[in-house]
């Protein structure tokens, strides 16, 4: 939540999420081989997720890369406000973040004892 608030209040970061500006950044990023840095970030974050899983901090029954995809979806949903509907932001992103984080911390339903 603090990251989202910081991005929205920072004039530079807020432009990053402007669709037209974002597309230009993305094109420049790809042209300058920025994927190498992203691969490093991605691999390190997936490794951290695996550590959290091994420590029992988050669910082990969900593939670590799928969990990473969930985190990336939360971040990227902000760039799809128009398709989803501006009237639902930022509440939609806040709820999705809350639901994903709570879901990752909870024991799977199939393993719960009644």
PDB file of N, CA and C in Angstrom:
ATOM      1  N   UNK A   1       0.826  -1.182   0.000  1.00  0.00           N
ATOM      2  CA  UNK A   1       0.000   0.000   0.000  1.00  0.00           C
ATOM      3  C   UNK A   1       0.872   1.249   0.000  1.00  0.00           C
ATOM      4  N   UNK A   2       1.951   1.222   0.780  1.00  0.00           N
ATOM      5  CA  UNK A   2       2.846   2.375   0.803  1.00  0.00           C
ATOM      6  C   UNK A   2       3.484   2.610  -0.559  1.00  0.00           C
ATOM      7  N   UNK A   3       3.825   1.519  -1.239  1.00  0.00           N
ATOM      8  CA  UNK A   3       4.379   1.663  -2.583  1.00  0.00           C
ATOM      9  C   UNK A   3       3.373   2.319  -3.519  1.00  0.00           C
ATOM     10  N   UNK A   4       2.124   1.871  -3.463  1.00  0.00           N
ATOM     11  CA  UNK A   4       1.095   2.446  -4.325  1.00  0.00           C
ATOM     12  C   UNK A   4       0.886   3.927  -4.025  1.00  0.00           C
ATOM     13  N   UNK A   5       0.822   4.276  -2.746  1.00  0.00           N
ATOM     14  CA  UNK A   5       0.642   5.671  -2.371  1.00  0.00           C
ATOM     15  C   UNK A   5       1.812   6.517  -2.844  1.00  0.00           C
ATOM     16  N   UNK A   6       3.027   5.973  -2.685  1.00  0.00           N
ATOM     17  CA  UNK A   6       4.215   6.687  -3.137  1.00  0.00           C
ATOM     18  C   UNK A   6       4.230   6.895  -4.636  1.00  0.00           C
ATOM     19  N   UNK A   7       3.799   5.875  -5.383  1.00  0.00           N
ATOM     20  CA  UNK A   7       3.760   5.995  -6.834  1.00  0.00           C
ATOM     21  C   UNK A   7       2.750   7.041  -7.276  1.00  0.00           C
ATOM     22  N   UNK A   8       1.624   7.085  -6.598  1.00  0.00           N
ATOM     23  CA  UNK A   8       0.575   8.025  -6.986  1.00  0.00           C
ATOM     24  C   UNK A   8       0.944   9.460  -6.627  1.00  0.00           C
ATOM     25  N   UNK A   9       1.677   9.653  -5.544  1.00  0.00           N
ATOM     26  CA  UNK A   9       2.011  11.004  -5.110  1.00  0.00           C
ATOM     27  C   UNK A   9       3.266  11.551  -5.792  1.00  0.00           C
ATOM     28  N   UNK A  10       4.073  10.674  -6.388  1.00  0.00           N
ATOM     29  CA  UNK A  10       5.302  11.090  -7.045  1.00  0.00           C
ATOM     30  C   UNK A  10       4.997  11.429  -8.496  1.00  0.00           C
ATOM     31  N   UNK A  11       5.278  12.678  -8.932  1.00  0.00           N
ATOM     32  CA  UNK A  11       4.931  13.069 -10.307  1.00  0.00           C
ATOM     33  C   UNK A  11       5.626  12.242 -11.382  1.00  0.00           C
ATOM     34  N   UNK A  12       6.836  11.787 -11.108  1.00  0.00           N
ATOM     35  CA  UNK A  12       7.544  10.974 -12.102  1.00  0.00           C
ATOM     36  C   UNK A  12       6.933   9.585 -12.177  1.00  0.00           C
ATOM     37  N   UNK A  13       6.735   8.963 -11.013  1.00  0.00           N
ATOM     38  CA  UNK A  13       6.164   7.616 -11.004  1.00  0.00           C
ATOM     39  C   UNK A  13       4.719   7.607 -11.491  1.00  0.00           C
ATOM     40  N   UNK A  14       3.978   8.651 -11.223  1.00  0.00           N
ATOM     41  CA  UNK A  14       2.590   8.685 -11.692  1.00  0.00           C
ATOM     42  C   UNK A  14       2.540   8.711 -13.218  1.00  0.00           C
ATOM     43  N   UNK A  15       3.541   9.320 -13.849  1.00  0.00           N
ATOM     44  CA  UNK A  15       3.589   9.316 -15.309  1.00  0.00           C
ATOM     45  C   UNK A  15       3.921   7.936 -15.855  1.00  0.00           C
ATOM     46  N   UNK A  16       4.654   7.149 -15.060  1.00  0.00           N
ATOM     47  CA  UNK A  16       4.986   5.791 -15.480  1.00  0.00           C
ATOM     48  C   UNK A  16       3.700   5.015 -15.758  1.00  0.00           C
ATOM     49  N   UNK A  17       2.668   5.277 -14.991  1.00  0.00           N
ATOM     50  CA  UNK A  17       1.408   4.551 -15.146  1.00  0.00           C
ATOM     51  C   UNK A  17       0.441   5.221 -16.102  1.00  0.00           C
ATOM     52  N   UNK A  18       0.857   6.308 -16.714  1.00  0.00           N
ATOM     53  CA  UNK A  18       0.098   6.899 -17.806  1.00  0.00           C
ATOM     54  C   UNK A  18       0.319   5.979 -19.004  1.00  0.00           C
ATOM     55  N   UNK A  19      -0.754   5.456 -19.568  1.00  0.00           N
ATOM     56  CA  UNK A  19      -0.647   4.434 -20.619  1.00  0.00           C
ATOM     57  C   UNK A  19       0.261   4.863 -21.767  1.00  0.00           C
ATOM     58  N   UNK A  20       0.110   6.089 -22.285  1.00  0.00           N
ATOM     59  CA  UNK A  20       0.935   6.541 -23.404  1.00  0.00           C
ATOM     60  C   UNK A  20       2.405   6.621 -23.011  1.00  0.00           C
ATOM     61  N   UNK A  21       2.657   7.176 -21.848  1.00  0.00           N
ATOM     62  CA  UNK A  21       4.032   7.293 -21.358  1.00  0.00           C
ATOM     63  C   UNK A  21       4.601   5.912 -21.079  1.00  0.00           C
ATOM     64  N   UNK A  22       3.800   5.042 -20.458  1.00  0.00           N
ATOM     65  CA  UNK A  22       4.246   3.688 -20.129  1.00  0.00           C
ATOM     66  C   UNK A  22       4.689   2.944 -21.384  1.00  0.00           C
ATOM     67  N   UNK A  23       3.938   3.066 -22.464  1.00  0.00           N
ATOM     68  CA  UNK A  23       4.290   2.369 -23.699  1.00  0.00           C
ATOM     69  C   UNK A  23       5.626   2.857 -24.246  1.00  0.00           C
ATOM     70  N   UNK A  24       5.895   4.157 -24.114  1.00  0.00           N
ATOM     71  CA  UNK A  24       7.186   4.690 -24.557  1.00  0.00           C
ATOM     72  C   UNK A  24       8.315   4.163 -23.682  1.00  0.00           C
ATOM     73  N   UNK A  25       8.093   4.136 -22.366  1.00  0.00           N
ATOM     74  CA  UNK A  25       9.091   3.579 -21.452  1.00  0.00           C
ATOM     75  C   UNK A  25       9.359   2.117 -21.784  1.00  0.00           C
ATOM     76  N   UNK A  26       8.293   1.397 -22.021  1.00  0.00           N
ATOM     77  CA  UNK A  26       8.420  -0.027 -22.301  1.00  0.00           C
ATOM     78  C   UNK A  26       9.227  -0.266 -23.574  1.00  0.00           C
ATOM     79  N   UNK A  27       8.951   0.518 -24.604  1.00  0.00           N
ATOM     80  CA  UNK A  27       9.692   0.373 -25.858  1.00  0.00           C
ATOM     81  C   UNK A  27      11.171   0.682 -25.643  1.00  0.00           C
ATOM     82  N   UNK A  28      11.476   1.762 -24.948  1.00  0.00           N
ATOM     83  CA  UNK A  28      12.860   2.121 -24.667  1.00  0.00           C
ATOM     84  C   UNK A  28      13.540   1.043 -23.821  1.00  0.00           C
ATOM     85  N   UNK A  29      12.815   0.533 -22.847  1.00  0.00           N
ATOM     86  CA  UNK A  29      13.327  -0.526 -21.969  1.00  0.00           C
ATOM     87  C   UNK A  29      13.751  -1.740 -22.788  1.00  0.00           C
ATOM     88  N   UNK A  30      12.885  -2.144 -23.705  1.00  0.00           N
ATOM     89  CA  UNK A  30      13.187  -3.321 -24.531  1.00  0.00           C
ATOM     90  C   UNK A  30      14.364  -3.050 -25.484  1.00  0.00           C
ATOM     91  N   UNK A  31      14.405  -1.848 -26.047  1.00  0.00           N
ATOM     92  CA  UNK A  31      15.481  -1.502 -26.973  1.00  0.00           C
ATOM     93  C   UNK A  31      16.841  -1.478 -26.283  1.00  0.00           C
ATOM     94  N   UNK A  32      16.858  -1.132 -25.001  1.00  0.00           N
ATOM     95  CA  UNK A  32      18.118  -1.035 -24.269  1.00  0.00           C
ATOM     96  C   UNK A  32      18.427  -2.304 -23.476  1.00  0.00           C
ATOM     97  N   UNK A  33      17.769  -3.404 -23.834  1.00  0.00           N
ATOM     98  CA  UNK A  33      17.985  -4.702 -23.200  1.00  0.00           C
ATOM     99  C   UNK A  33      17.764  -4.644 -21.683  1.00  0.00           C
ATOM    100  N   UNK A  34      16.718  -3.976 -21.299  1.00  0.00           N
ATOM    101  CA  UNK A  34      16.383  -3.872 -19.887  1.00  0.00           C
ATOM    102  C   UNK A  34      15.880  -5.172 -19.292  1.00  0.00           C
ATOM    103  N   UNK A  35      15.582  -6.150 -20.116  1.00  0.00           N
ATOM    104  CA  UNK A  35      15.073  -7.417 -19.617  1.00  0.00           C
ATOM    105  C   UNK A  35      16.118  -8.147 -18.777  1.00  0.00           C
ATOM    106  N   UNK A  36      17.393  -7.876 -19.023  1.00  0.00           N
ATOM    107  CA  UNK A  36      18.434  -8.512 -18.214  1.00  0.00           C
ATOM    108  C   UNK A  36      18.281  -8.131 -16.749  1.00  0.00           C
ATOM    109  N   UNK A  37      18.023  -6.859 -16.487  1.00  0.00           N
ATOM    110  CA  UNK A  37      17.809  -6.394 -15.108  1.00  0.00           C
ATOM    111  C   UNK A  37      16.520  -6.977 -14.548  1.00  0.00           C
ATOM    112  N   UNK A  38      15.496  -7.062 -15.374  1.00  0.00           N
ATOM    113  CA  UNK A  38      14.221  -7.613 -14.915  1.00  0.00           C
ATOM    114  C   UNK A  38      14.357  -9.093 -14.602  1.00  0.00           C
ATOM    115  N   UNK A  39      15.137  -9.810 -15.403  1.00  0.00           N
ATOM    116  CA  UNK A  39      15.363 -11.229 -15.137  1.00  0.00           C
ATOM    117  C   UNK A  39      16.020 -11.418 -13.780  1.00  0.00           C
ATOM    118  N   UNK A  40      16.997 -10.568 -13.455  1.00  0.00           N
ATOM    119  CA  UNK A  40      17.676 -10.625 -12.165  1.00  0.00           C
ATOM    120  C   UNK A  40      16.676 -10.385 -11.039  1.00  0.00           C
ATOM    121  N   UNK A  41      15.854  -9.343 -11.178  1.00  0.00           N
ATOM    122  CA  UNK A  41      14.837  -9.031 -10.170  1.00  0.00           C
ATOM    123  C   UNK A  41      13.860 -10.188 -10.026  1.00  0.00           C
ATOM    124  N   UNK A  42      13.393 -10.703 -11.148  1.00  0.00           N
ATOM    125  CA  UNK A  42      12.408 -11.779 -11.147  1.00  0.00           C
ATOM    126  C   UNK A  42      12.967 -13.022 -10.453  1.00  0.00           C
ATOM    127  N   UNK A  43      14.160 -13.434 -10.852  1.00  0.00           N
ATOM    128  CA  UNK A  43      14.766 -14.644 -10.283  1.00  0.00           C
ATOM    129  C   UNK A  43      15.003 -14.504  -8.785  1.00  0.00           C
ATOM    130  N   UNK A  44      15.463 -13.330  -8.356  1.00  0.00           N
ATOM    131  CA  UNK A  44      15.696 -13.118  -6.926  1.00  0.00           C
ATOM    132  C   UNK A  44      14.394 -13.099  -6.142  1.00  0.00           C
ATOM    133  N   UNK A  45      13.360 -12.542  -6.709  1.00  0.00           N
ATOM    134  CA  UNK A  45      12.072 -12.495  -6.014  1.00  0.00           C
ATOM    135  C   UNK A  45      11.463 -13.888  -5.931  1.00  0.00           C
ATOM    136  N   UNK A  46      11.554 -14.663  -6.994  1.00  0.00           N
ATOM    137  CA  UNK A  46      11.051 -16.037  -6.964  1.00  0.00           C
ATOM    138  C   UNK A  46      11.830 -16.848  -5.925  1.00  0.00           C
ATOM    139  N   UNK A  47      13.134 -16.623  -5.837  1.00  0.00           N
ATOM    140  CA  UNK A  47      13.948 -17.325  -4.828  1.00  0.00           C
ATOM    141  C   UNK A  47      13.484 -16.947  -3.424  1.00  0.00           C
ATOM    142  N   UNK A  48      13.172 -15.679  -3.208  1.00  0.00           N
ATOM    143  CA  UNK A  48      12.674 -15.231  -1.906  1.00  0.00           C
ATOM    144  C   UNK A  48      11.320 -15.876  -1.596  1.00  0.00           C
ATOM    145  N   UNK A  49      10.460 -15.983  -2.584  1.00  0.00           N
ATOM    146  CA  UNK A  49       9.160 -16.644  -2.402  1.00  0.00           C
ATOM    147  C   UNK A  49       9.379 -18.094  -1.978  1.00  0.00           C
ATOM    148  N   UNK A  50      10.352 -18.757  -2.597  1.00  0.00           N
ATOM    149  CA  UNK A  50      10.647 -20.158  -2.239  1.00  0.00           C
ATOM    150  C   UNK A  50      11.144 -20.266  -0.794  1.00  0.00           C
ATOM    151  N   UNK A  51      11.923 -19.299  -0.351  1.00  0.00           N
ATOM    152  CA  UNK A  51      12.379 -19.274   1.043  1.00  0.00           C
ATOM    153  C   UNK A  51      11.172 -19.119   1.958  1.00  0.00           C
ATOM    154  N   UNK A  52      10.282 -18.187   1.634  1.00  0.00           N
ATOM    155  CA  UNK A  52       9.079 -17.987   2.453  1.00  0.00           C
ATOM    156  C   UNK A  52       8.245 -19.255   2.500  1.00  0.00           C
ATOM    157  N   UNK A  53       8.154 -19.958   1.365  1.00  0.00           N
ATOM    158  CA  UNK A  53       7.411 -21.213   1.346  1.00  0.00           C
ATOM    159  C   UNK A  53       8.081 -22.251   2.242  1.00  0.00           C
ATOM    160  N   UNK A  54       9.382 -22.374   2.161  1.00  0.00           N
ATOM    161  CA  UNK A  54      10.112 -23.348   2.980  1.00  0.00           C
ATOM    162  C   UNK A  54       9.982 -23.036   4.467  1.00  0.00           C
ATOM    163  N   UNK A  55       9.895 -21.761   4.799  1.00  0.00           N
ATOM    164  CA  UNK A  55       9.752 -21.345   6.197  1.00  0.00           C
ATOM    165  C   UNK A  55       8.304 -21.403   6.672  1.00  0.00           C
ATOM    166  N   UNK A  56       7.384 -21.741   5.776  1.00  0.00           N
ATOM    167  CA  UNK A  56       5.976 -21.827   6.149  1.00  0.00           C
ATOM    168  C   UNK A  56       5.276 -20.485   6.260  1.00  0.00           C
ATOM    169  N   UNK A  57       5.882 -19.442   5.722  1.00  0.00           N
ATOM    170  CA  UNK A  57       5.274 -18.112   5.789  1.00  0.00           C
ATOM    171  C   UNK A  57       4.158 -17.941   4.769  1.00  0.00           C
ATOM    172  N   UNK A  58       4.279 -18.637   3.652  1.00  0.00           N
ATOM    173  CA  UNK A  58       3.222 -18.618   2.635  1.00  0.00           C
ATOM    174  C   UNK A  58       2.996 -20.042   2.143  1.00  0.00           C
ATOM    175  N   UNK A  59       1.892 -20.221   1.465  1.00  0.00           N
ATOM    176  CA  UNK A  59       1.487 -21.549   1.015  1.00  0.00           C
ATOM    177  C   UNK A  59       2.527 -22.212   0.135  1.00  0.00           C
ATOM    178  N   UNK A  60       2.653 -23.519   0.340  1.00  0.00           N
ATOM    179  CA  UNK A  60       3.599 -24.323  -0.436  1.00  0.00           C
ATOM    180  C   UNK A  60       2.925 -25.010  -1.616  1.00  0.00           C
ATOM    181  N   UNK A  61       1.595 -25.048  -1.607  1.00  0.00           N
ATOM    182  CA  UNK A  61       0.868 -25.781  -2.641  1.00  0.00           C
ATOM    183  C   UNK A  61       0.686 -24.985  -3.930  1.00  0.00           C
ATOM    184  N   UNK A  62       1.165 -23.749  -3.953  1.00  0.00           N
ATOM    185  CA  UNK A  62       1.080 -22.916  -5.147  1.00  0.00           C
ATOM    186  C   UNK A  62       2.498 -22.707  -5.665  1.00  0.00           C
ATOM    187  N   UNK A  63       2.712 -22.960  -6.934  1.00  0.00           N
ATOM    188  CA  UNK A  63       4.020 -22.804  -7.549  1.00  0.00           C
ATOM    189  C   UNK A  63       4.561 -21.389  -7.312  1.00  0.00           C
ATOM    190  N   UNK A  64       5.833 -21.284  -6.984  1.00  0.00           N
ATOM    191  CA  UNK A  64       6.446 -19.986  -6.675  1.00  0.00           C
ATOM    192  C   UNK A  64       6.348 -19.011  -7.845  1.00  0.00           C
ATOM    193  N   UNK A  65       6.440 -19.509  -9.051  1.00  0.00           N
ATOM    194  CA  UNK A  65       6.337 -18.618 -10.209  1.00  0.00           C
ATOM    195  C   UNK A  65       4.906 -18.139 -10.410  1.00  0.00           C
ATOM    196  N   UNK A  66       3.924 -18.952 -10.039  1.00  0.00           N
ATOM    197  CA  UNK A  66       2.531 -18.504 -10.092  1.00  0.00           C
ATOM    198  C   UNK A  66       2.296 -17.410  -9.047  1.00  0.00           C
ATOM    199  N   UNK A  67       2.897 -17.551  -7.885  1.00  0.00           N
ATOM    200  CA  UNK A  67       2.789 -16.512  -6.859  1.00  0.00           C
ATOM    201  C   UNK A  67       3.410 -15.222  -7.375  1.00  0.00           C
ATOM    202  N   UNK A  68       4.554 -15.321  -8.021  1.00  0.00           N
ATOM    203  CA  UNK A  68       5.188 -14.142  -8.607  1.00  0.00           C
ATOM    204  C   UNK A  68       4.275 -13.508  -9.645  1.00  0.00           C
ATOM    205  N   UNK A  69       3.609 -14.324 -10.444  1.00  0.00           N
ATOM    206  CA  UNK A  69       2.677 -13.802 -11.446  1.00  0.00           C
ATOM    207  C   UNK A  69       1.523 -13.058 -10.769  1.00  0.00           C
ATOM    208  N   UNK A  70       1.077 -13.559  -9.618  1.00  0.00           N
ATOM    209  CA  UNK A  70       0.021 -12.863  -8.872  1.00  0.00           C
ATOM    210  C   UNK A  70       0.496 -11.484  -8.437  1.00  0.00           C
ATOM    211  N   UNK A  71       1.725 -11.411  -7.913  1.00  0.00           N
ATOM    212  CA  UNK A  71       2.274 -10.122  -7.499  1.00  0.00           C
ATOM    213  C   UNK A  71       2.392  -9.173  -8.689  1.00  0.00           C
ATOM    214  N   UNK A  72       2.865  -9.684  -9.810  1.00  0.00           N
ATOM    215  CA  UNK A  72       3.006  -8.852 -11.008  1.00  0.00           C
ATOM    216  C   UNK A  72       1.643  -8.390 -11.522  1.00  0.00           C
ATOM    217  N   UNK A  73       0.630  -9.248 -11.412  1.00  0.00           N
ATOM    218  CA  UNK A  73      -0.713  -8.862 -11.845  1.00  0.00           C
ATOM    219  C   UNK A  73      -1.249  -7.714 -10.999  1.00  0.00           C
ATOM    220  N   UNK A  74      -0.982  -7.768  -9.698  1.00  0.00           N
ATOM    221  CA  UNK A  74      -1.426  -6.694  -8.813  1.00  0.00           C
ATOM    222  C   UNK A  74      -0.780  -5.369  -9.229  1.00  0.00           C
ATOM    223  N   UNK A  75       0.500  -5.426  -9.527  1.00  0.00           N
ATOM    224  CA  UNK A  75       1.211  -4.220  -9.941  1.00  0.00           C
ATOM    225  C   UNK A  75       0.697  -3.714 -11.278  1.00  0.00           C
ATOM    226  N   UNK A  76       0.498  -4.626 -12.219  1.00  0.00           N
ATOM    227  CA  UNK A  76       0.133  -4.230 -13.582  1.00  0.00           C
ATOM    228  C   UNK A  76      -1.331  -3.890 -13.777  1.00  0.00           C
ATOM    229  N   UNK A  77      -2.188  -4.266 -12.847  1.00  0.00           N
ATOM    230  CA  UNK A  77      -3.602  -3.979 -13.011  1.00  0.00           C
ATOM    231  C   UNK A  77      -3.854  -2.474 -13.086  1.00  0.00           C
ATOM    232  N   UNK A  78      -2.963  -1.712 -12.464  1.00  0.00           N
ATOM    233  CA  UNK A  78      -3.084  -0.260 -12.473  1.00  0.00           C
ATOM    234  C   UNK A  78      -3.024   0.306 -13.889  1.00  0.00           C
ATOM    235  N   UNK A  79      -2.347  -0.386 -14.793  1.00  0.00           N
ATOM    236  CA  UNK A  79      -2.235   0.097 -16.172  1.00  0.00           C
ATOM    237  C   UNK A  79      -3.470  -0.257 -17.000  1.00  0.00           C
ATOM    238  N   UNK A  80      -4.437  -0.924 -16.392  1.00  0.00           N
ATOM    239  CA  UNK A  80      -5.662  -1.320 -17.108  1.00  0.00           C
ATOM    240  C   UNK A  80      -6.912  -0.700 -16.500  1.00  0.00           C
ATOM    241  N   UNK A  81      -6.744   0.448 -15.867  1.00  0.00           N
ATOM    242  CA  UNK A  81      -7.874   1.120 -15.220  1.00  0.00           C
ATOM    243  C   UNK A  81      -9.010   1.386 -16.203  1.00  0.00           C
ATOM    244  N   UNK A  82      -8.662   1.840 -17.380  1.00  0.00           N
ATOM    245  CA  UNK A  82      -9.696   2.196 -18.357  1.00  0.00           C
ATOM    246  C   UNK A  82     -10.559   1.005 -18.738  1.00  0.00           C
ATOM    247  N   UNK A  83      -9.922  -0.147 -18.965  1.00  0.00           N
ATOM    248  CA  UNK A  83     -10.698  -1.331 -19.359  1.00  0.00           C
ATOM    249  C   UNK A  83     -11.574  -1.832 -18.216  1.00  0.00           C
ATOM    250  N   UNK A  84     -11.088  -1.750 -17.003  1.00  0.00           N
ATOM    251  CA  UNK A  84     -11.810  -2.268 -15.843  1.00  0.00           C
ATOM    252  C   UNK A  84     -12.857  -1.276 -15.371  1.00  0.00           C
ATOM    253  N   UNK A  85     -12.495  -0.021 -15.398  1.00  0.00           N
ATOM    254  CA  UNK A  85     -13.411   1.040 -14.955  1.00  0.00           C
ATOM    255  C   UNK A  85     -12.761   1.879 -13.871  1.00  0.00           C
ATOM    256  N   UNK A  86     -12.528   3.136 -14.174  1.00  0.00           N
ATOM    257  CA  UNK A  86     -11.864   4.034 -13.237  1.00  0.00           C
ATOM    258  C   UNK A  86     -12.590   4.132 -11.903  1.00  0.00           C
ATOM    259  N   UNK A  87     -13.900   3.947 -11.922  1.00  0.00           N
ATOM    260  CA  UNK A  87     -14.678   4.085 -10.685  1.00  0.00           C
ATOM    261  C   UNK A  87     -14.309   3.043  -9.635  1.00  0.00           C
ATOM    262  N   UNK A  88     -13.609   1.986 -10.047  1.00  0.00           N
ATOM    263  CA  UNK A  88     -13.261   0.920  -9.112  1.00  0.00           C
ATOM    264  C   UNK A  88     -11.872   1.068  -8.499  1.00  0.00           C
ATOM    265  N   UNK A  89     -11.123   2.051  -8.930  1.00  0.00           N
ATOM    266  CA  UNK A  89      -9.768   2.242  -8.413  1.00  0.00           C
ATOM    267  C   UNK A  89      -9.755   3.334  -7.368  1.00  0.00           C
ATOM    268  N   UNK A  90      -8.941   3.264  -6.356  1.00  0.00           N
ATOM    269  CA  UNK A  90      -7.918   2.256  -6.079  1.00  0.00           C
ATOM    270  C   UNK A  90      -8.448   1.077  -5.265  1.00  0.00           C
ATOM    271  N   UNK A  91      -9.750   1.098  -4.944  1.00  0.00           N
ATOM    272  CA  UNK A  91     -10.306   0.046  -4.089  1.00  0.00           C
ATOM    273  C   UNK A  91     -10.095  -1.344  -4.668  1.00  0.00           C
ATOM    274  N   UNK A  92     -10.253  -1.510  -5.974  1.00  0.00           N
ATOM    275  CA  UNK A  92     -10.075  -2.822  -6.595  1.00  0.00           C
ATOM    276  C   UNK A  92      -8.663  -3.339  -6.350  1.00  0.00           C
ATOM    277  N   UNK A  93      -7.684  -2.506  -6.573  1.00  0.00           N
ATOM    278  CA  UNK A  93      -6.298  -2.924  -6.379  1.00  0.00           C
ATOM    279  C   UNK A  93      -6.023  -3.236  -4.911  1.00  0.00           C
ATOM    280  N   UNK A  94      -6.573  -2.439  -4.025  1.00  0.00           N
ATOM    281  CA  UNK A  94      -6.382  -2.682  -2.589  1.00  0.00           C
ATOM    282  C   UNK A  94      -7.007  -4.011  -2.168  1.00  0.00           C
ATOM    283  N   UNK A  95      -8.239  -4.278  -2.624  1.00  0.00           N
ATOM    284  CA  UNK A  95      -8.895  -5.537  -2.268  1.00  0.00           C
ATOM    285  C   UNK A  95      -8.164  -6.739  -2.866  1.00  0.00           C
ATOM    286  N   UNK A  96      -7.774  -6.646  -4.137  1.00  0.00           N
ATOM    287  CA  UNK A  96      -7.051  -7.760  -4.748  1.00  0.00           C
ATOM    288  C   UNK A  96      -5.750  -8.043  -4.003  1.00  0.00           C
ATOM    289  N   UNK A  97      -5.041  -6.989  -3.632  1.00  0.00           N
ATOM    290  CA  UNK A  97      -3.805  -7.169  -2.873  1.00  0.00           C
ATOM    291  C   UNK A  97      -4.098  -7.861  -1.551  1.00  0.00           C
ATOM    292  N   UNK A  98      -5.116  -7.377  -0.853  1.00  0.00           N
ATOM    293  CA  UNK A  98      -5.493  -7.973   0.437  1.00  0.00           C
ATOM    294  C   UNK A  98      -5.876  -9.438   0.268  1.00  0.00           C
ATOM    295  N   UNK A  99      -6.709  -9.740  -0.731  1.00  0.00           N
ATOM    296  CA  UNK A  99      -7.182 -11.112  -0.929  1.00  0.00           C
ATOM    297  C   UNK A  99      -6.041 -12.046  -1.304  1.00  0.00           C
ATOM    298  N   UNK A 100      -5.144 -11.600  -2.167  1.00  0.00           N
ATOM    299  CA  UNK A 100      -4.015 -12.444  -2.566  1.00  0.00           C
ATOM    300  C   UNK A 100      -3.114 -12.704  -1.364  1.00  0.00           C
ATOM    301  N   UNK A 101      -2.770 -11.655  -0.623  1.00  0.00           N
ATOM    302  CA  UNK A 101      -1.873 -11.828   0.518  1.00  0.00           C
ATOM    303  C   UNK A 101      -2.495 -12.716   1.589  1.00  0.00           C
ATOM    304  N   UNK A 102      -3.776 -12.508   1.888  1.00  0.00           N
ATOM    305  CA  UNK A 102      -4.440 -13.371   2.871  1.00  0.00           C
ATOM    306  C   UNK A 102      -4.525 -14.805   2.356  1.00  0.00           C
ATOM    307  N   UNK A 103      -4.803 -14.957   1.071  1.00  0.00           N
ATOM    308  CA  UNK A 103      -4.895 -16.292   0.480  1.00  0.00           C
ATOM    309  C   UNK A 103      -3.570 -17.029   0.487  1.00  0.00           C
ATOM    310  N   UNK A 104      -2.488 -16.301   0.324  1.00  0.00           N
ATOM    311  CA  UNK A 104      -1.172 -16.932   0.350  1.00  0.00           C
ATOM    312  C   UNK A 104      -0.756 -17.314   1.763  1.00  0.00           C
ATOM    313  N   UNK A 105      -1.264 -16.598   2.748  1.00  0.00           N
ATOM    314  CA  UNK A 105      -0.912 -16.877   4.138  1.00  0.00           C
ATOM    315  C   UNK A 105      -1.785 -17.978   4.727  1.00  0.00           C
ATOM    316  N   UNK A 106      -2.975 -18.172   4.168  1.00  0.00           N
ATOM    317  CA  UNK A 106      -3.902 -19.182   4.702  1.00  0.00           C
ATOM    318  C   UNK A 106      -3.514 -20.582   4.267  1.00  0.00           C
ATOM    319  N   UNK A 107      -3.869 -21.505   5.125  1.00  0.00           N
ATOM    320  CA  UNK A 107      -3.712 -22.930   4.795  1.00  0.00           C
ATOM    321  C   UNK A 107      -4.722 -23.251   3.695  1.00  0.00           C
ATOM    322  N   UNK A 108      -4.360 -24.096   2.731  1.00  0.00           N
ATOM    323  CA  UNK A 108      -5.304 -24.450   1.662  1.00  0.00           C
ATOM    324  C   UNK A 108      -6.588 -25.055   2.241  1.00  0.00           C
ATOM    325  N   UNK A 109      -7.713 -24.736   1.643  1.00  0.00           N
ATOM    326  CA  UNK A 109      -9.016 -25.216   2.090  1.00  0.00           C
ATOM    327  C   UNK A 109      -9.060 -26.736   2.155  1.00  0.00           C
ATOM    328  N   UNK A 110      -8.475 -27.427   1.202  1.00  0.00           N
ATOM    329  CA  UNK A 110      -8.518 -28.883   1.148  1.00  0.00           C
ATOM    330  C   UNK A 110      -7.812 -29.524   2.353  1.00  0.00           C
ATOM    331  N   UNK A 111      -6.873 -28.807   2.963  1.00  0.00           N
ATOM    332  CA  UNK A 111      -6.109 -29.362   4.077  1.00  0.00           C
ATOM    333  C   UNK A 111      -6.653 -28.940   5.444  1.00  0.00           C
ATOM    334  N   UNK A 112      -7.647 -28.056   5.466  1.00  0.00           N
ATOM    335  CA  UNK A 112      -8.181 -27.576   6.743  1.00  0.00           C
ATOM    336  C   UNK A 112      -9.034 -28.674   7.381  1.00  0.00           C
ATOM    337  N   UNK A 113      -8.916 -28.778   8.686  1.00  0.00           N
ATOM    338  CA  UNK A 113      -9.734 -29.732   9.418  1.00  0.00           C
ATOM    339  C   UNK A 113     -10.967 -29.015   9.931  1.00  0.00           C
ATOM    340  N   UNK A 114     -12.081 -29.660   9.803  1.00  0.00           N
ATOM    341  CA  UNK A 114     -13.336 -29.036  10.235  1.00  0.00           C
ATOM    342  C   UNK A 114     -13.647 -29.373  11.662  1.00  0.00           C
TER     343      UNK A 114
END
